[in-house]
Amino acid sequence: MINKKRLIIIALAVIPVAVSVLYILSYYKKSQPEIPTNPASINTIIPGKTTEQEVLQNLGTPVASQGGILQYKSTSPARNNEITIQNEKVGFVKEIVSYKDTINLKELNAQYGEANYLYGPDAINGYFLYYLPEKGIAYLANPIVGTVLEIWHFPVTTFDNFKNTWAKDYTLTPTEHPF
């Protein structure tokens, strides 16, 4: 039979080990990048699920509204974030990224996975549209310096639907410039 002294000694030995294990596990969990849920969301706005009413409740009155597009201030002094409403739900979000934000291409690729890219109107300036339609996200970024100009959020979809719906001005191959 184990006496009280031995039981106390065993308990005193086990408690610090258990606390150490819990601390290590909590640290490990914090150090892992957060895996986004599908679809990608911005400020609790989930394309395909969030209603226009919920947008207005969460973000307030837009700075501008026209043709189903609600505009909200971004960190850029020149451009606003855009939320497109389709059938009373959010269909598309264009999040503007400025020099004031700390978002870069490397971080987005780490968070969402390596993305393929399309060439478009900004390719001449070195910006390509990286896309992950299976995760509901795309971003306009420069692969050399890592600068991100825009992040697009939309319902999870196929590449063809993404291309035909939101990326009509983009191609898989570079185009000749007229000059």
Protein backbone atom coordinates (compact mmCIF):
# COMPACT_ATOMS: atom_id res chain seq x y z
CA MET A 1 0.00 0.00 0.00
CA ILE A 2 1.28 3.46 -0.92
CA ASN A 3 1.57 5.83 1.99
CA LYS A 4 0.57 9.49 1.92
CA LYS A 5 4.17 10.77 1.60
CA ARG A 6 4.82 8.74 -1.54
CA LEU A 7 1.51 9.84 -3.06
CA ILE A 8 2.35 13.51 -2.40
CA ILE A 9 5.84 13.09 -3.90
CA ILE A 10 4.42 11.43 -7.02
CA ALA A 11 1.79 14.17 -7.39
CA LEU A 12 4.44 16.89 -7.00
CA ALA A 13 6.54 15.22 -9.70
CA VAL A 14 3.65 14.73 -12.15
CA ILE A 15 2.13 18.23 -11.89
CA PRO A 16 5.17 20.15 -13.26
CA VAL A 17 5.52 17.66 -16.11
CA ALA A 18 1.83 18.03 -17.02
CA VAL A 19 2.04 21.84 -16.86
CA SER A 20 5.16 21.79 -19.08
CA VAL A 21 3.46 19.56 -21.65
CA LEU A 22 0.37 21.80 -21.75
CA TYR A 23 2.55 24.90 -22.15
CA ILE A 24 4.53 23.35 -25.00
CA LEU A 25 1.35 22.25 -26.76
CA SER A 26 -0.23 25.71 -26.45
CA TYR A 27 2.97 27.36 -27.76
CA TYR A 28 3.14 24.94 -30.68
CA LYS A 29 -0.49 25.64 -31.57
CA LYS A 30 0.09 29.42 -31.51
CA SER A 31 3.19 29.16 -33.72
CA GLN A 32 1.37 27.28 -36.48
CA PRO A 33 -0.12 29.42 -39.27
CA GLU A 34 -3.87 29.60 -39.07
CA ILE A 35 -5.43 27.60 -41.87
CA PRO A 36 -8.27 29.58 -43.44
CA THR A 37 -11.73 28.11 -43.55
CA ASN A 38 -13.39 27.77 -46.93
CA PRO A 39 -14.42 30.10 -48.29
CA ALA A 40 -12.02 32.92 -47.45
CA SER A 41 -13.63 35.73 -45.48
CA ILE A 42 -12.92 39.36 -44.65
CA ASN A 43 -14.08 40.92 -41.40
CA THR A 44 -16.69 38.19 -40.93
CA ILE A 45 -17.98 38.80 -44.48
CA ILE A 46 -18.24 35.43 -46.20
CA PRO A 47 -19.01 35.56 -49.93
CA GLY A 48 -22.01 33.43 -50.82
CA LYS A 49 -23.29 33.38 -47.23
CA THR A 50 -23.27 36.87 -45.70
CA THR A 51 -26.36 38.92 -46.53
CA GLU A 52 -26.40 42.59 -47.49
CA GLN A 53 -28.16 43.34 -44.20
CA GLU A 54 -25.34 41.62 -42.26
CA VAL A 55 -22.76 43.67 -44.16
CA LEU A 56 -24.55 46.87 -43.21
CA GLN A 57 -24.84 45.73 -39.58
CA ASN A 58 -21.15 44.76 -39.35
CA LEU A 59 -19.52 47.52 -41.43
CA GLY A 60 -22.05 50.33 -41.20
CA THR A 61 -23.06 52.69 -43.95
CA PRO A 62 -20.87 52.46 -47.06
CA VAL A 63 -19.02 55.56 -48.28
CA ALA A 64 -20.56 54.93 -51.71
CA SER A 65 -23.05 52.54 -53.25
CA GLN A 66 -23.89 52.01 -56.90
CA GLY A 67 -25.21 49.11 -58.96
CA GLY A 68 -25.00 46.53 -56.19
CA ILE A 69 -21.45 47.51 -55.19
CA LEU A 70 -20.93 48.84 -51.67
CA GLN A 71 -17.72 50.78 -51.08
CA TYR A 72 -16.01 50.97 -47.70
CA LYS A 73 -12.89 52.89 -46.73
CA SER A 74 -9.62 51.02 -47.07
CA THR A 75 -6.14 51.92 -45.86
CA SER A 76 -5.52 53.48 -49.27
CA PRO A 77 -6.29 57.19 -49.61
CA ALA A 78 -7.21 56.69 -53.27
CA ARG A 79 -9.28 53.48 -53.45
CA ASN A 80 -12.05 51.87 -51.43
CA ASN A 81 -12.80 48.24 -50.64
CA GLU A 82 -15.70 46.94 -52.74
CA ILE A 83 -18.39 44.46 -51.76
CA THR A 84 -20.59 43.24 -54.58
CA ILE A 85 -24.11 42.16 -53.63
CA GLN A 86 -25.83 39.52 -55.76
CA ASN A 87 -29.31 38.20 -54.87
CA GLU A 88 -29.14 39.96 -51.48
CA LYS A 89 -25.89 38.16 -50.55
CA VAL A 90 -22.22 39.04 -50.85
CA GLY A 91 -20.97 37.69 -54.17
CA PHE A 92 -17.51 39.23 -54.32
CA VAL A 93 -15.18 41.33 -52.16
CA LYS A 94 -12.26 43.37 -53.47
CA GLU A 95 -10.02 44.26 -50.55
CA ILE A 96 -7.58 47.08 -51.30
CA VAL A 97 -4.10 46.74 -49.83
CA SER A 98 -1.87 49.80 -49.40
CA TYR A 99 1.62 50.55 -48.19
CA LYS A 100 0.14 50.95 -44.70
CA ASP A 101 -0.77 47.25 -44.58
CA THR A 102 1.72 44.54 -43.70
CA ILE A 103 0.29 41.96 -46.12
CA ASN A 104 2.75 40.51 -48.62
CA LEU A 105 2.76 37.73 -51.22
CA LYS A 106 4.97 35.43 -49.16
CA GLU A 107 2.54 35.56 -46.22
CA LEU A 108 -0.49 34.92 -48.44
CA ASN A 109 1.22 31.94 -50.07
CA ALA A 110 2.13 30.59 -46.63
CA GLN A 111 -1.44 31.01 -45.42
CA TYR A 112 -3.36 29.77 -48.45
CA GLY A 113 -0.79 27.70 -50.37
CA GLU A 114 1.20 28.35 -53.52
CA ALA A 115 -1.03 29.82 -56.20
CA ASN A 116 -0.89 29.88 -59.98
CA TYR A 117 -1.23 33.24 -61.67
CA LEU A 118 -2.81 34.99 -64.61
CA TYR A 119 -1.58 37.90 -66.69
CA GLY A 120 -3.76 40.97 -66.90
CA PRO A 121 -3.83 44.75 -67.26
CA ASP A 122 -1.23 45.24 -64.50
CA ALA A 123 1.25 42.63 -65.79
CA ILE A 124 3.20 45.35 -67.58
CA ASN A 125 3.94 46.78 -64.12
CA GLY A 126 4.91 43.36 -62.76
CA TYR A 127 1.64 42.50 -61.01
CA PHE A 128 -0.01 39.14 -61.61
CA LEU A 129 -3.34 37.78 -60.40
CA TYR A 130 -2.63 34.80 -58.15
CA TYR A 131 -5.67 32.57 -57.82
CA LEU A 132 -6.96 29.77 -55.62
CA PRO A 133 -10.61 29.36 -56.65
CA GLU A 134 -10.92 26.19 -54.57
CA LYS A 135 -10.29 28.41 -51.52
CA GLY A 136 -12.30 31.43 -52.69
CA ILE A 137 -9.36 33.82 -52.90
CA ALA A 138 -7.18 35.60 -55.44
CA TYR A 139 -4.66 38.40 -55.03
CA LEU A 140 -3.00 40.90 -57.31
CA ALA A 141 0.69 40.90 -56.40
CA ASN A 142 4.24 41.46 -57.61
CA PRO A 143 6.32 38.26 -57.30
CA ILE A 144 9.68 40.09 -57.16
CA VAL A 145 9.06 42.52 -54.30
CA GLY A 146 6.05 40.70 -52.81
CA THR A 147 3.80 43.77 -52.83
CA VAL A 148 0.07 43.04 -52.82
CA LEU A 149 -2.40 45.55 -54.33
CA GLU A 150 -5.71 43.71 -53.94
CA ILE A 151 -7.17 40.61 -52.36
CA TRP A 152 -10.28 39.17 -53.94
CA HIS A 153 -12.72 37.06 -51.90
CA PHE A 154 -15.47 35.03 -53.58
CA PRO A 155 -17.39 31.78 -53.06
CA VAL A 156 -15.37 28.61 -53.58
CA THR A 157 -15.60 27.70 -57.26
CA THR A 158 -13.84 26.11 -60.22
CA PHE A 159 -11.09 27.79 -62.23
CA ASP A 160 -13.35 28.16 -65.28
CA ASN A 161 -16.10 29.84 -63.26
CA PHE A 162 -13.57 32.10 -61.51
CA LYS A 163 -12.00 33.09 -64.84
CA ASN A 164 -15.34 33.72 -66.58
CA THR A 165 -16.93 35.55 -63.66
CA TRP A 166 -14.22 37.70 -62.03
CA ALA A 167 -11.06 37.45 -64.13
CA LYS A 168 -12.34 38.10 -67.65
CA ASP A 169 -9.51 40.55 -68.39
CA TYR A 170 -6.82 38.02 -67.44
CA THR A 171 -5.09 35.29 -69.48
CA LEU A 172 -2.86 32.30 -68.86
CA THR A 173 -0.22 33.65 -71.25
CA PRO A 174 1.46 37.04 -71.43
CA THR A 175 0.17 39.32 -74.16
CA GLU A 176 2.08 41.55 -76.52
CA HIS A 177 2.08 45.19 -75.55
CA PRO A 178 0.99 47.70 -78.21
CA PHE A 179 4.10 49.85 -77.81
